[in-house]
């Protein structure tokens, strides 16, 4: 056999190596044709990500898989809500994807249910940081009330998530108009660690004040 051709059959053999070979040029073409900003072809913003979702036939506003994909690609390190061309290239190489079809084939593996606890916590943190706006290190509570249920679906009891959404919606405390990363992470940790509100000791609590107020809201709701 010379140069990948079989003398006996006269046709090229397909090996695993050739099937799995990653094509950098093809991967970058997806970025250039679909994601890149018209006035700066080195970055992609939410508009470009939405265009990618259209090709993947998923809803960018409701389908958590796009966030999982972005997390797995390792994007958003330089700026929130942005993908650099280099991040895209390195992420596609890591996942060995260089076509829309291969990206579509990944979709069934992007369910958060496949993530171990440590992986999910990292993804949960990424979800907050990627959705920050500009130089802000906080997120408007109205966005939080939509993002949190989508990210935590099937991880935290639904009633807990909805009560937290209700709490943020109804509270008049202006300090909760924008949520910090610490508050975001604390809600996850608290929801996993505290199963019985009756045992919650606010006096000796090490949780952020947001959690104290959330528990008070829950207790008041139970008494109504």
N, C-alpha and C. Protein backbone atom coordinates (compact mmCIF):
# COMPACT_ATOMS: atom_id res chain seq x y z
N UNK A 1 0.86 -1.19 0.00
CA UNK A 1 0.00 0.00 0.00
C UNK A 1 0.89 1.23 0.00
N UNK A 2 0.66 2.17 -0.92
CA UNK A 2 1.47 3.36 -1.06
C UNK A 2 0.55 4.59 -1.05
N UNK A 3 0.90 5.57 -0.19
CA UNK A 3 0.12 6.81 -0.18
C UNK A 3 -1.33 6.63 0.18
N UNK A 4 -1.66 5.60 0.97
CA UNK A 4 -3.04 5.40 1.41
C UNK A 4 -3.90 4.65 0.44
N UNK A 5 -3.34 4.22 -0.68
CA UNK A 5 -4.13 3.48 -1.66
C UNK A 5 -3.82 2.00 -1.60
N UNK A 6 -4.83 1.19 -1.73
CA UNK A 6 -4.68 -0.26 -1.75
C UNK A 6 -4.50 -0.74 -3.19
N UNK A 7 -3.39 -1.45 -3.46
CA UNK A 7 -3.16 -1.97 -4.80
C UNK A 7 -4.25 -2.96 -5.21
N UNK A 8 -4.68 -3.76 -4.25
CA UNK A 8 -5.62 -4.84 -4.58
C UNK A 8 -7.00 -4.32 -4.96
N UNK A 9 -7.48 -3.22 -4.27
CA UNK A 9 -8.83 -2.75 -4.53
C UNK A 9 -8.85 -1.46 -5.34
N UNK A 10 -7.66 -0.81 -5.41
CA UNK A 10 -7.59 0.38 -6.23
C UNK A 10 -8.33 1.58 -5.68
N UNK A 11 -8.66 1.58 -4.38
CA UNK A 11 -9.32 2.74 -3.82
C UNK A 11 -8.75 3.06 -2.44
N UNK A 12 -8.95 4.28 -2.04
CA UNK A 12 -8.33 4.76 -0.81
C UNK A 12 -9.02 4.18 0.41
N UNK A 13 -8.22 3.75 1.36
CA UNK A 13 -8.78 3.26 2.62
C UNK A 13 -9.15 4.45 3.52
N UNK A 14 -10.25 4.32 4.22
CA UNK A 14 -10.63 5.33 5.20
C UNK A 14 -10.23 4.85 6.58
N UNK A 15 -9.36 5.59 7.22
CA UNK A 15 -8.90 5.22 8.56
C UNK A 15 -9.55 6.11 9.59
N UNK A 16 -9.49 5.67 10.86
CA UNK A 16 -10.02 6.49 11.95
C UNK A 16 -9.32 7.83 12.01
N UNK A 17 -8.02 7.81 11.72
CA UNK A 17 -7.25 9.05 11.76
C UNK A 17 -7.77 10.06 10.76
N UNK A 18 -8.12 9.59 9.55
CA UNK A 18 -8.62 10.52 8.54
C UNK A 18 -10.03 11.00 8.87
N UNK A 19 -10.83 10.13 9.48
CA UNK A 19 -12.18 10.52 9.87
C UNK A 19 -12.14 11.59 10.95
N UNK A 20 -11.24 11.43 11.92
CA UNK A 20 -11.19 12.32 13.07
C UNK A 20 -10.27 13.53 12.87
N UNK A 21 -9.64 13.62 11.68
CA UNK A 21 -8.73 14.73 11.44
C UNK A 21 -9.50 16.04 11.50
N UNK A 22 -8.94 16.99 12.24
CA UNK A 22 -9.60 18.28 12.40
C UNK A 22 -9.10 19.25 11.35
N UNK A 23 -10.04 19.98 10.73
CA UNK A 23 -9.71 20.91 9.66
C UNK A 23 -9.82 22.34 10.18
N UNK A 24 -8.68 22.95 10.48
CA UNK A 24 -8.67 24.30 11.03
C UNK A 24 -9.32 25.31 10.09
N UNK A 25 -9.00 25.20 8.82
CA UNK A 25 -9.55 26.14 7.83
C UNK A 25 -11.07 26.08 7.79
N UNK A 26 -11.60 24.87 7.85
CA UNK A 26 -13.06 24.70 7.81
C UNK A 26 -13.71 25.27 9.08
N UNK A 27 -13.07 25.05 10.23
CA UNK A 27 -13.60 25.56 11.49
C UNK A 27 -13.62 27.09 11.49
N UNK A 28 -12.54 27.69 10.99
CA UNK A 28 -12.46 29.15 10.95
C UNK A 28 -13.43 29.74 9.92
N UNK A 29 -13.74 28.96 8.89
CA UNK A 29 -14.71 29.43 7.90
C UNK A 29 -16.09 29.59 8.53
N UNK A 30 -16.45 28.70 9.46
CA UNK A 30 -17.72 28.82 10.18
C UNK A 30 -17.74 30.15 10.92
N UNK A 31 -16.63 30.46 11.58
CA UNK A 31 -16.54 31.72 12.34
C UNK A 31 -16.67 32.90 11.39
N UNK A 32 -15.91 32.89 10.31
CA UNK A 32 -15.90 34.01 9.37
C UNK A 32 -17.27 34.21 8.70
N UNK A 33 -17.91 33.11 8.33
CA UNK A 33 -19.16 33.20 7.57
C UNK A 33 -20.39 33.40 8.45
N UNK A 34 -20.32 32.97 9.71
CA UNK A 34 -21.52 32.94 10.55
C UNK A 34 -21.44 33.83 11.78
N UNK A 35 -20.31 33.79 12.49
CA UNK A 35 -20.25 34.46 13.78
C UNK A 35 -19.63 35.85 13.75
N UNK A 36 -18.63 36.09 12.92
CA UNK A 36 -17.82 37.31 12.98
C UNK A 36 -18.65 38.58 12.79
N UNK A 37 -18.26 39.61 13.54
CA UNK A 37 -18.88 40.92 13.39
C UNK A 37 -18.50 41.53 12.04
N UNK A 38 -19.42 42.22 11.41
CA UNK A 38 -19.13 42.82 10.09
C UNK A 38 -17.96 43.80 10.12
N UNK A 39 -17.80 44.53 11.24
CA UNK A 39 -16.74 45.54 11.31
C UNK A 39 -15.51 45.07 12.08
N UNK A 40 -15.52 43.82 12.53
CA UNK A 40 -14.35 43.26 13.22
C UNK A 40 -14.42 41.74 13.13
N UNK A 41 -13.67 41.18 12.18
CA UNK A 41 -13.78 39.74 11.94
C UNK A 41 -13.00 38.89 12.94
N UNK A 42 -12.49 39.53 14.01
CA UNK A 42 -11.78 38.76 15.03
C UNK A 42 -12.66 38.43 16.23
N UNK A 43 -13.87 38.98 16.26
CA UNK A 43 -14.77 38.72 17.39
C UNK A 43 -16.17 38.38 16.91
N UNK A 44 -16.90 37.69 17.80
CA UNK A 44 -18.32 37.41 17.58
C UNK A 44 -19.07 37.86 18.81
N UNK A 45 -20.22 38.48 18.63
CA UNK A 45 -21.06 38.92 19.73
C UNK A 45 -22.32 38.05 19.78
N UNK A 46 -23.29 38.47 20.59
CA UNK A 46 -24.51 37.68 20.74
C UNK A 46 -25.26 37.53 19.42
N UNK A 47 -25.11 38.52 18.54
CA UNK A 47 -25.77 38.41 17.23
C UNK A 47 -25.20 37.25 16.43
N UNK A 48 -23.88 37.12 16.44
CA UNK A 48 -23.25 36.01 15.74
C UNK A 48 -23.60 34.67 16.36
N UNK A 49 -23.67 34.63 17.68
CA UNK A 49 -24.04 33.41 18.39
C UNK A 49 -25.47 33.01 18.03
N UNK A 50 -26.35 34.01 17.89
CA UNK A 50 -27.73 33.73 17.48
C UNK A 50 -27.77 33.15 16.06
N UNK A 51 -26.91 33.66 15.18
CA UNK A 51 -26.83 33.12 13.83
C UNK A 51 -26.39 31.66 13.84
N UNK A 52 -25.43 31.36 14.74
CA UNK A 52 -24.99 29.97 14.89
C UNK A 52 -26.14 29.09 15.36
N UNK A 53 -26.91 29.60 16.31
CA UNK A 53 -28.06 28.83 16.81
C UNK A 53 -29.06 28.54 15.70
N UNK A 54 -29.25 29.49 14.80
CA UNK A 54 -30.17 29.27 13.68
C UNK A 54 -29.70 28.10 12.83
N UNK A 55 -28.40 28.03 12.59
CA UNK A 55 -27.85 26.93 11.78
C UNK A 55 -27.95 25.61 12.53
N UNK A 56 -27.83 25.68 13.86
CA UNK A 56 -27.92 24.46 14.68
C UNK A 56 -29.37 24.09 14.97
N UNK A 57 -30.29 24.98 14.58
CA UNK A 57 -31.73 24.77 14.76
C UNK A 57 -32.10 24.65 16.23
N UNK A 58 -31.54 25.55 17.03
CA UNK A 58 -31.89 25.61 18.45
C UNK A 58 -32.24 27.06 18.81
N UNK A 59 -33.01 27.22 19.87
CA UNK A 59 -33.46 28.54 20.31
C UNK A 59 -32.41 29.14 21.26
N UNK A 60 -31.77 30.27 20.88
CA UNK A 60 -30.73 30.85 21.73
C UNK A 60 -31.26 31.40 23.05
N UNK A 61 -32.57 31.65 23.12
CA UNK A 61 -33.15 32.23 24.33
C UNK A 61 -33.61 31.18 25.33
N UNK A 62 -33.84 29.96 24.87
CA UNK A 62 -34.42 28.95 25.76
C UNK A 62 -33.65 27.64 25.82
N UNK A 63 -32.79 27.38 24.85
CA UNK A 63 -32.09 26.10 24.80
C UNK A 63 -30.75 26.20 25.51
N UNK A 64 -30.62 25.53 26.66
CA UNK A 64 -29.42 25.60 27.48
C UNK A 64 -28.20 25.05 26.76
N UNK A 65 -28.41 24.25 25.74
CA UNK A 65 -27.29 23.60 25.06
C UNK A 65 -26.33 24.58 24.41
N UNK A 66 -26.81 25.76 24.02
CA UNK A 66 -25.88 26.73 23.43
C UNK A 66 -24.90 27.22 24.49
N UNK A 67 -25.37 27.41 25.71
CA UNK A 67 -24.48 27.83 26.80
C UNK A 67 -23.48 26.73 27.14
N UNK A 68 -23.95 25.48 27.15
CA UNK A 68 -23.05 24.36 27.43
C UNK A 68 -21.99 24.26 26.34
N UNK A 69 -22.40 24.46 25.10
CA UNK A 69 -21.44 24.42 23.99
C UNK A 69 -20.38 25.51 24.15
N UNK A 70 -20.81 26.72 24.45
CA UNK A 70 -19.87 27.83 24.62
C UNK A 70 -18.91 27.56 25.78
N UNK A 71 -19.44 26.98 26.85
CA UNK A 71 -18.60 26.61 28.00
C UNK A 71 -17.57 25.57 27.60
N UNK A 72 -18.00 24.55 26.87
CA UNK A 72 -17.08 23.50 26.44
C UNK A 72 -16.03 24.04 25.47
N UNK A 73 -16.42 25.02 24.66
CA UNK A 73 -15.47 25.63 23.74
C UNK A 73 -14.44 26.49 24.48
N UNK A 74 -14.80 26.93 25.70
CA UNK A 74 -13.87 27.74 26.48
C UNK A 74 -13.83 29.19 26.05
N UNK A 75 -14.97 29.73 25.65
CA UNK A 75 -15.00 31.11 25.16
C UNK A 75 -15.33 32.10 26.28
N UNK A 76 -15.32 33.39 25.93
CA UNK A 76 -15.71 34.42 26.89
C UNK A 76 -14.65 34.81 27.89
N UNK A 77 -13.44 34.34 27.72
CA UNK A 77 -12.38 34.64 28.69
C UNK A 77 -11.93 36.10 28.60
N UNK A 78 -11.94 36.65 27.41
CA UNK A 78 -11.47 38.03 27.23
C UNK A 78 -12.55 39.06 27.55
N UNK A 79 -13.79 38.74 27.21
CA UNK A 79 -14.88 39.68 27.43
C UNK A 79 -16.21 38.94 27.46
N UNK A 80 -17.13 39.30 28.39
CA UNK A 80 -18.43 38.64 28.45
C UNK A 80 -19.20 38.82 27.14
N UNK A 81 -20.07 37.87 26.84
CA UNK A 81 -20.94 37.91 25.68
C UNK A 81 -20.16 38.07 24.37
N UNK A 82 -18.95 37.56 24.37
CA UNK A 82 -18.12 37.69 23.17
C UNK A 82 -17.25 36.45 22.98
N UNK A 83 -17.07 36.07 21.73
CA UNK A 83 -16.21 34.95 21.35
C UNK A 83 -15.12 35.48 20.44
N UNK A 84 -13.88 35.27 20.79
CA UNK A 84 -12.81 35.69 19.89
C UNK A 84 -12.54 34.59 18.88
N UNK A 85 -11.95 34.98 17.77
CA UNK A 85 -11.65 34.01 16.72
C UNK A 85 -10.68 32.95 17.23
N UNK A 86 -9.74 33.36 18.06
CA UNK A 86 -8.76 32.40 18.59
C UNK A 86 -9.44 31.43 19.57
N UNK A 87 -10.37 31.94 20.40
CA UNK A 87 -11.11 31.07 21.31
C UNK A 87 -11.91 30.04 20.52
N UNK A 88 -12.52 30.49 19.44
CA UNK A 88 -13.30 29.58 18.60
C UNK A 88 -12.41 28.49 18.02
N UNK A 89 -11.26 28.91 17.49
CA UNK A 89 -10.34 27.96 16.87
C UNK A 89 -9.88 26.91 17.88
N UNK A 90 -9.43 27.38 19.06
CA UNK A 90 -8.93 26.46 20.08
C UNK A 90 -10.04 25.56 20.61
N UNK A 91 -11.24 26.10 20.76
CA UNK A 91 -12.36 25.31 21.25
C UNK A 91 -12.79 24.24 20.26
N UNK A 92 -12.84 24.61 18.98
CA UNK A 92 -13.22 23.64 17.95
C UNK A 92 -12.17 22.53 17.84
N UNK A 93 -10.93 22.90 17.99
CA UNK A 93 -9.87 21.88 17.94
C UNK A 93 -10.00 20.92 19.11
N UNK A 94 -10.28 21.48 20.29
CA UNK A 94 -10.44 20.64 21.49
C UNK A 94 -11.60 19.67 21.34
N UNK A 95 -12.71 20.13 20.75
CA UNK A 95 -13.89 19.28 20.56
C UNK A 95 -13.87 18.52 19.24
N UNK A 96 -12.85 18.80 18.41
CA UNK A 96 -12.69 18.14 17.11
C UNK A 96 -13.92 18.34 16.23
N UNK A 97 -14.35 19.61 16.12
CA UNK A 97 -15.48 19.95 15.26
C UNK A 97 -15.03 20.99 14.24
N UNK A 98 -15.43 20.81 13.00
CA UNK A 98 -15.05 21.75 11.95
C UNK A 98 -16.15 21.95 10.92
N UNK A 99 -17.39 21.58 11.32
CA UNK A 99 -18.53 21.77 10.42
C UNK A 99 -19.79 21.91 11.26
N UNK A 100 -20.81 22.50 10.66
CA UNK A 100 -22.10 22.63 11.34
C UNK A 100 -22.67 21.25 11.65
N UNK A 101 -22.47 20.32 10.74
CA UNK A 101 -22.97 18.96 10.96
C UNK A 101 -22.35 18.32 12.20
N UNK A 102 -21.05 18.50 12.37
CA UNK A 102 -20.38 17.94 13.55
C UNK A 102 -20.85 18.64 14.83
N UNK A 103 -21.12 19.93 14.73
CA UNK A 103 -21.65 20.66 15.89
C UNK A 103 -23.04 20.13 16.24
N UNK A 104 -23.84 19.85 15.22
CA UNK A 104 -25.18 19.29 15.46
C UNK A 104 -25.08 17.92 16.12
N UNK A 105 -24.07 17.15 15.73
CA UNK A 105 -23.89 15.83 16.32
C UNK A 105 -23.53 15.90 17.80
N UNK A 106 -22.98 17.04 18.22
CA UNK A 106 -22.63 17.23 19.63
C UNK A 106 -23.85 17.52 20.50
N UNK A 107 -24.91 18.04 19.90
CA UNK A 107 -26.05 18.54 20.67
C UNK A 107 -26.60 17.55 21.70
N UNK A 108 -26.77 16.26 21.35
CA UNK A 108 -27.31 15.32 22.35
C UNK A 108 -26.42 15.16 23.58
N UNK A 109 -25.15 15.53 23.47
CA UNK A 109 -24.22 15.37 24.60
C UNK A 109 -24.14 16.63 25.46
N UNK A 110 -24.88 17.67 25.07
CA UNK A 110 -24.76 18.96 25.75
C UNK A 110 -25.82 19.19 26.82
N UNK A 111 -26.56 18.17 27.16
CA UNK A 111 -27.53 18.29 28.24
C UNK A 111 -26.78 18.41 29.57
N UNK A 112 -27.22 19.31 30.45
CA UNK A 112 -26.53 19.50 31.73
C UNK A 112 -26.61 18.27 32.63
N UNK A 113 -27.55 17.38 32.34
CA UNK A 113 -27.66 16.16 33.13
C UNK A 113 -26.44 15.26 33.02
N UNK A 114 -25.65 15.47 31.97
CA UNK A 114 -24.45 14.66 31.79
C UNK A 114 -23.26 15.19 32.63
N UNK A 115 -23.43 16.37 33.22
CA UNK A 115 -22.32 16.99 33.95
C UNK A 115 -22.26 16.50 35.39
N UNK A 116 -21.06 16.15 35.83
CA UNK A 116 -20.85 15.81 37.24
C UNK A 116 -20.99 17.09 38.07
N UNK A 117 -21.12 16.92 39.40
CA UNK A 117 -21.37 18.07 40.28
C UNK A 117 -20.32 19.17 40.13
N UNK A 118 -19.04 18.79 40.09
CA UNK A 118 -17.97 19.77 39.97
C UNK A 118 -18.02 20.46 38.62
N UNK A 119 -18.29 19.69 37.56
CA UNK A 119 -18.41 20.26 36.23
C UNK A 119 -19.57 21.23 36.16
N UNK A 120 -20.70 20.84 36.77
CA UNK A 120 -21.88 21.69 36.72
C UNK A 120 -21.63 23.00 37.45
N UNK A 121 -20.95 22.94 38.57
CA UNK A 121 -20.66 24.17 39.31
C UNK A 121 -19.82 25.11 38.46
N UNK A 122 -18.85 24.57 37.74
CA UNK A 122 -18.02 25.38 36.85
C UNK A 122 -18.87 25.97 35.72
N UNK A 123 -19.76 25.17 35.18
CA UNK A 123 -20.66 25.64 34.13
C UNK A 123 -21.59 26.72 34.65
N UNK A 124 -22.11 26.53 35.86
CA UNK A 124 -23.02 27.50 36.48
C UNK A 124 -22.32 28.85 36.65
N UNK A 125 -21.06 28.81 37.06
CA UNK A 125 -20.25 30.02 37.20
C UNK A 125 -20.04 30.68 35.84
N UNK A 126 -19.72 29.86 34.83
CA UNK A 126 -19.53 30.38 33.48
C UNK A 126 -20.79 31.07 32.98
N UNK A 127 -21.95 30.48 33.25
CA UNK A 127 -23.22 31.03 32.77
C UNK A 127 -23.42 32.45 33.26
N UNK A 128 -23.02 32.71 34.50
CA UNK A 128 -23.13 34.07 35.05
C UNK A 128 -22.12 34.99 34.37
N UNK A 129 -20.86 34.59 34.36
CA UNK A 129 -19.80 35.46 33.87
C UNK A 129 -19.97 35.78 32.39
N UNK A 130 -20.43 34.82 31.61
CA UNK A 130 -20.60 35.05 30.18
C UNK A 130 -21.75 36.02 29.91
N UNK A 131 -22.74 36.06 30.79
CA UNK A 131 -23.91 36.91 30.58
C UNK A 131 -23.80 38.29 31.22
N UNK A 132 -22.65 38.59 31.82
CA UNK A 132 -22.44 39.96 32.30
C UNK A 132 -22.37 40.89 31.09
N UNK A 133 -22.66 42.17 31.33
CA UNK A 133 -22.70 43.14 30.25
C UNK A 133 -21.54 44.11 30.35
N UNK A 134 -20.76 44.21 29.28
CA UNK A 134 -19.67 45.17 29.24
C UNK A 134 -18.69 45.00 30.40
N UNK A 135 -18.48 46.09 31.14
CA UNK A 135 -17.55 46.06 32.27
C UNK A 135 -18.24 45.69 33.57
N UNK A 136 -19.56 45.48 33.51
CA UNK A 136 -20.29 45.09 34.72
C UNK A 136 -19.83 43.73 35.21
N UNK A 137 -19.79 43.58 36.53
CA UNK A 137 -19.53 42.28 37.14
C UNK A 137 -20.77 41.77 37.85
N UNK A 138 -21.89 42.40 37.51
CA UNK A 138 -23.19 42.02 38.06
C UNK A 138 -24.17 41.87 36.90
N UNK A 139 -25.33 41.26 37.19
CA UNK A 139 -26.36 41.08 36.17
C UNK A 139 -27.69 41.58 36.72
N UNK A 140 -28.43 42.28 35.90
CA UNK A 140 -29.75 42.78 36.26
C UNK A 140 -30.63 41.62 36.72
N UNK A 141 -31.37 41.84 37.80
CA UNK A 141 -32.17 40.75 38.38
C UNK A 141 -33.22 40.21 37.42
N UNK A 142 -33.69 41.05 36.48
CA UNK A 142 -34.67 40.57 35.51
C UNK A 142 -34.07 39.50 34.59
N UNK A 143 -32.79 39.66 34.28
CA UNK A 143 -32.11 38.63 33.48
C UNK A 143 -31.87 37.38 34.33
N UNK A 144 -31.51 37.60 35.59
CA UNK A 144 -31.28 36.48 36.51
C UNK A 144 -32.52 35.61 36.63
N UNK A 145 -33.68 36.24 36.72
CA UNK A 145 -34.93 35.48 36.90
C UNK A 145 -35.27 34.62 35.68
N UNK A 146 -34.69 34.93 34.54
CA UNK A 146 -34.88 34.11 33.34
C UNK A 146 -33.75 33.10 33.17
N UNK A 147 -32.53 33.53 33.48
CA UNK A 147 -31.36 32.68 33.29
C UNK A 147 -31.30 31.55 34.31
N UNK A 148 -31.57 31.86 35.57
CA UNK A 148 -31.42 30.86 36.63
C UNK A 148 -32.30 29.62 36.42
N UNK A 149 -33.60 29.78 36.10
CA UNK A 149 -34.43 28.58 35.87
C UNK A 149 -33.93 27.74 34.70
N UNK A 150 -33.41 28.39 33.65
CA UNK A 150 -32.93 27.65 32.49
C UNK A 150 -31.69 26.84 32.84
N UNK A 151 -30.78 27.44 33.61
CA UNK A 151 -29.52 26.77 33.94
C UNK A 151 -29.74 25.67 34.98
N UNK A 152 -30.62 25.90 35.94
CA UNK A 152 -30.80 24.97 37.06
C UNK A 152 -31.89 23.92 36.84
N UNK A 153 -32.53 23.96 35.68
CA UNK A 153 -33.59 23.00 35.41
C UNK A 153 -33.11 21.57 35.62
N UNK A 154 -33.88 20.81 36.39
CA UNK A 154 -33.61 19.40 36.70
C UNK A 154 -32.43 19.21 37.66
N UNK A 155 -31.84 20.30 38.14
CA UNK A 155 -30.75 20.20 39.13
C UNK A 155 -31.24 20.55 40.52
N UNK A 156 -32.13 21.53 40.57
CA UNK A 156 -32.69 22.02 41.83
C UNK A 156 -34.21 21.86 41.74
N UNK A 157 -34.89 21.50 42.85
CA UNK A 157 -36.35 21.39 42.80
C UNK A 157 -37.00 22.62 42.18
N UNK A 158 -37.94 22.37 41.31
CA UNK A 158 -38.56 23.46 40.53
C UNK A 158 -39.19 24.52 41.43
N UNK A 159 -39.82 24.10 42.53
CA UNK A 159 -40.48 25.07 43.40
C UNK A 159 -39.47 26.01 44.05
N UNK A 160 -38.27 25.50 44.35
CA UNK A 160 -37.21 26.35 44.92
C UNK A 160 -36.82 27.44 43.92
N UNK A 161 -36.63 27.02 42.68
CA UNK A 161 -36.21 27.97 41.64
C UNK A 161 -37.28 29.03 41.42
N UNK A 162 -38.54 28.60 41.36
CA UNK A 162 -39.63 29.54 41.12
C UNK A 162 -39.84 30.48 42.30
N UNK A 163 -39.61 30.00 43.51
CA UNK A 163 -39.74 30.87 44.68
C UNK A 163 -38.63 31.92 44.71
N UNK A 164 -37.45 31.53 44.27
CA UNK A 164 -36.35 32.49 44.21
C UNK A 164 -36.67 33.56 43.15
N UNK A 165 -37.22 33.11 42.04
CA UNK A 165 -37.63 34.05 40.99
C UNK A 165 -38.70 35.00 41.51
N UNK A 166 -39.66 34.45 42.25
CA UNK A 166 -40.72 35.27 42.82
C UNK A 166 -40.16 36.26 43.84
N UNK A 167 -39.22 35.79 44.65
CA UNK A 167 -38.59 36.66 45.64
C UNK A 167 -37.91 37.85 44.98
N UNK A 168 -37.11 37.60 43.96
CA UNK A 168 -36.40 38.69 43.27
C UNK A 168 -37.38 39.64 42.57
N UNK A 169 -38.46 39.07 42.06
CA UNK A 169 -39.45 39.90 41.35
C UNK A 169 -40.19 40.83 42.31
N UNK A 170 -40.50 40.33 43.50
CA UNK A 170 -41.33 41.08 44.45
C UNK A 170 -40.54 41.97 45.41
N UNK A 171 -39.27 41.68 45.63
CA UNK A 171 -38.53 42.45 46.62
C UNK A 171 -38.38 43.91 46.22
N UNK A 172 -38.46 44.78 47.21
CA UNK A 172 -38.27 46.21 47.00
C UNK A 172 -36.86 46.65 47.37
N UNK A 173 -36.06 45.71 47.80
CA UNK A 173 -34.69 46.02 48.22
C UNK A 173 -33.86 46.38 46.98
N UNK A 174 -33.45 47.63 46.90
CA UNK A 174 -32.71 48.08 45.71
C UNK A 174 -31.32 47.46 45.61
N UNK A 175 -30.82 46.91 46.71
CA UNK A 175 -29.50 46.27 46.66
C UNK A 175 -29.54 44.98 45.85
N UNK A 176 -30.73 44.48 45.54
CA UNK A 176 -30.86 43.26 44.74
C UNK A 176 -31.27 43.55 43.30
N UNK A 177 -31.18 44.82 42.91
CA UNK A 177 -31.49 45.16 41.52
C UNK A 177 -30.50 44.51 40.56
N UNK A 178 -29.26 44.37 41.02
CA UNK A 178 -28.23 43.66 40.25
C UNK A 178 -27.61 42.60 41.16
N UNK A 179 -27.44 41.40 40.61
CA UNK A 179 -26.96 40.26 41.38
C UNK A 179 -25.47 40.03 41.11
N UNK A 180 -24.74 39.75 42.18
CA UNK A 180 -23.30 39.52 42.06
C UNK A 180 -23.01 38.03 41.81
N UNK A 181 -21.80 37.75 41.40
CA UNK A 181 -21.39 36.36 41.20
C UNK A 181 -21.46 35.59 42.52
N UNK A 182 -21.06 36.21 43.60
CA UNK A 182 -21.10 35.56 44.91
C UNK A 182 -22.53 35.17 45.28
N UNK A 183 -23.48 36.06 45.03
CA UNK A 183 -24.89 35.76 45.32
C UNK A 183 -25.40 34.64 44.41
N UNK A 184 -25.02 34.70 43.16
CA UNK A 184 -25.41 33.67 42.18
C UNK A 184 -24.91 32.29 42.63
N UNK A 185 -23.64 32.19 42.99
CA UNK A 185 -23.07 30.92 43.40
C UNK A 185 -23.66 30.46 44.73
N UNK A 186 -23.94 31.41 45.60
CA UNK A 186 -24.50 31.07 46.92
C UNK A 186 -25.87 30.43 46.80
N UNK A 187 -26.66 30.87 45.83
CA UNK A 187 -27.98 30.27 45.66
C UNK A 187 -27.85 28.79 45.30
N UNK A 188 -26.91 28.47 44.42
CA UNK A 188 -26.69 27.07 44.06
C UNK A 188 -26.24 26.27 45.27
N UNK A 189 -25.23 26.75 45.97
CA UNK A 189 -24.68 26.03 47.13
C UNK A 189 -25.73 25.87 48.22
N UNK A 190 -26.48 26.93 48.48
CA UNK A 190 -27.51 26.87 49.50
C UNK A 190 -28.59 25.85 49.13
N UNK A 191 -29.02 25.86 47.88
CA UNK A 191 -30.07 24.95 47.42
C UNK A 191 -29.65 23.49 47.53
N UNK A 192 -28.35 23.23 47.34
CA UNK A 192 -27.84 21.86 47.43
C UNK A 192 -27.61 21.43 48.88
N UNK A 193 -27.22 22.38 49.72
CA UNK A 193 -26.83 22.04 51.09
C UNK A 193 -27.97 22.10 52.10
N UNK A 194 -28.90 23.01 51.89
CA UNK A 194 -29.97 23.21 52.88
C UNK A 194 -31.28 22.66 52.35
N UNK A 195 -31.70 21.55 52.90
CA UNK A 195 -32.94 20.91 52.47
C UNK A 195 -34.13 21.26 53.36
N UNK A 196 -33.83 21.64 54.60
CA UNK A 196 -34.90 21.93 55.57
C UNK A 196 -34.77 23.36 56.09
N UNK A 197 -35.70 24.21 55.70
CA UNK A 197 -35.64 25.62 56.10
C UNK A 197 -35.84 25.81 57.60
N UNK A 198 -36.53 24.86 58.24
CA UNK A 198 -36.78 24.99 59.68
C UNK A 198 -35.47 24.94 60.47
N UNK A 199 -34.45 24.34 59.89
CA UNK A 199 -33.17 24.23 60.59
C UNK A 199 -32.22 25.39 60.23
N UNK A 200 -32.70 26.31 59.42
CA UNK A 200 -31.85 27.43 59.00
C UNK A 200 -31.69 28.41 60.15
N UNK A 201 -30.46 28.66 60.54
CA UNK A 201 -30.14 29.55 61.66
C UNK A 201 -29.61 30.88 61.11
N UNK A 202 -30.51 31.83 60.99
CA UNK A 202 -30.12 33.11 60.40
C UNK A 202 -29.10 33.85 61.27
N UNK A 203 -29.22 33.69 62.59
CA UNK A 203 -28.31 34.39 63.50
C UNK A 203 -26.86 33.99 63.28
N UNK A 204 -26.65 32.72 63.02
CA UNK A 204 -25.29 32.20 62.84
C UNK A 204 -24.98 31.88 61.37
N UNK A 205 -25.78 32.43 60.49
CA UNK A 205 -25.62 32.12 59.08
C UNK A 205 -24.36 32.79 58.50
N UNK A 206 -23.68 32.02 57.65
CA UNK A 206 -22.52 32.57 56.94
C UNK A 206 -22.89 32.88 55.49
N UNK A 207 -24.18 32.68 55.16
CA UNK A 207 -24.63 32.96 53.81
C UNK A 207 -24.79 34.46 53.60
N UNK A 208 -24.72 34.93 52.35
CA UNK A 208 -24.97 36.35 52.07
C UNK A 208 -26.37 36.76 52.53
N UNK A 209 -26.55 38.04 52.76
CA UNK A 209 -27.83 38.55 53.23
C UNK A 209 -28.96 38.19 52.26
N UNK A 210 -28.64 38.10 51.00
CA UNK A 210 -29.64 37.71 50.00
C UNK A 210 -30.29 36.39 50.37
N UNK A 211 -29.52 35.43 50.84
CA UNK A 211 -30.06 34.12 51.20
C UNK A 211 -30.92 34.22 52.45
N UNK A 212 -30.48 35.02 53.42
CA UNK A 212 -31.29 35.25 54.62
C UNK A 212 -32.67 35.79 54.24
N UNK A 213 -32.68 36.79 53.37
CA UNK A 213 -33.94 37.41 52.97
C UNK A 213 -34.79 36.45 52.14
N UNK A 214 -34.14 35.63 51.34
CA UNK A 214 -34.85 34.63 50.55
C UNK A 214 -35.53 33.61 51.47
N UNK A 215 -34.83 33.17 52.50
CA UNK A 215 -35.41 32.21 53.44
C UNK A 215 -36.58 32.84 54.19
N UNK A 216 -36.45 34.09 54.59
CA UNK A 216 -37.56 34.79 55.25
C UNK A 216 -38.77 34.85 54.32
N UNK A 217 -38.52 35.09 53.06
CA UNK A 217 -39.60 35.14 52.08
C UNK A 217 -40.28 33.77 51.96
N UNK A 218 -39.48 32.71 51.97
CA UNK A 218 -40.02 31.36 51.87
C UNK A 218 -40.89 31.03 53.09
N UNK A 219 -40.39 31.38 54.26
CA UNK A 219 -41.13 31.09 55.49
C UNK A 219 -42.44 31.85 55.53
N UNK A 220 -42.39 33.12 55.09
CA UNK A 220 -43.62 33.92 55.05
C UNK A 220 -44.61 33.33 54.06
N UNK A 221 -44.11 32.83 52.94
CA UNK A 221 -44.97 32.24 51.92
C UNK A 221 -45.67 30.99 52.45
N UNK A 222 -44.95 30.21 53.26
CA UNK A 222 -45.51 28.99 53.81
C UNK A 222 -46.60 29.26 54.83
N UNK A 223 -46.52 30.43 55.46
CA UNK A 223 -47.51 30.76 56.50
C UNK A 223 -48.76 31.41 55.93
N UNK A 224 -48.71 31.79 54.66
CA UNK A 224 -49.85 32.46 54.05
C UNK A 224 -50.96 31.48 53.67
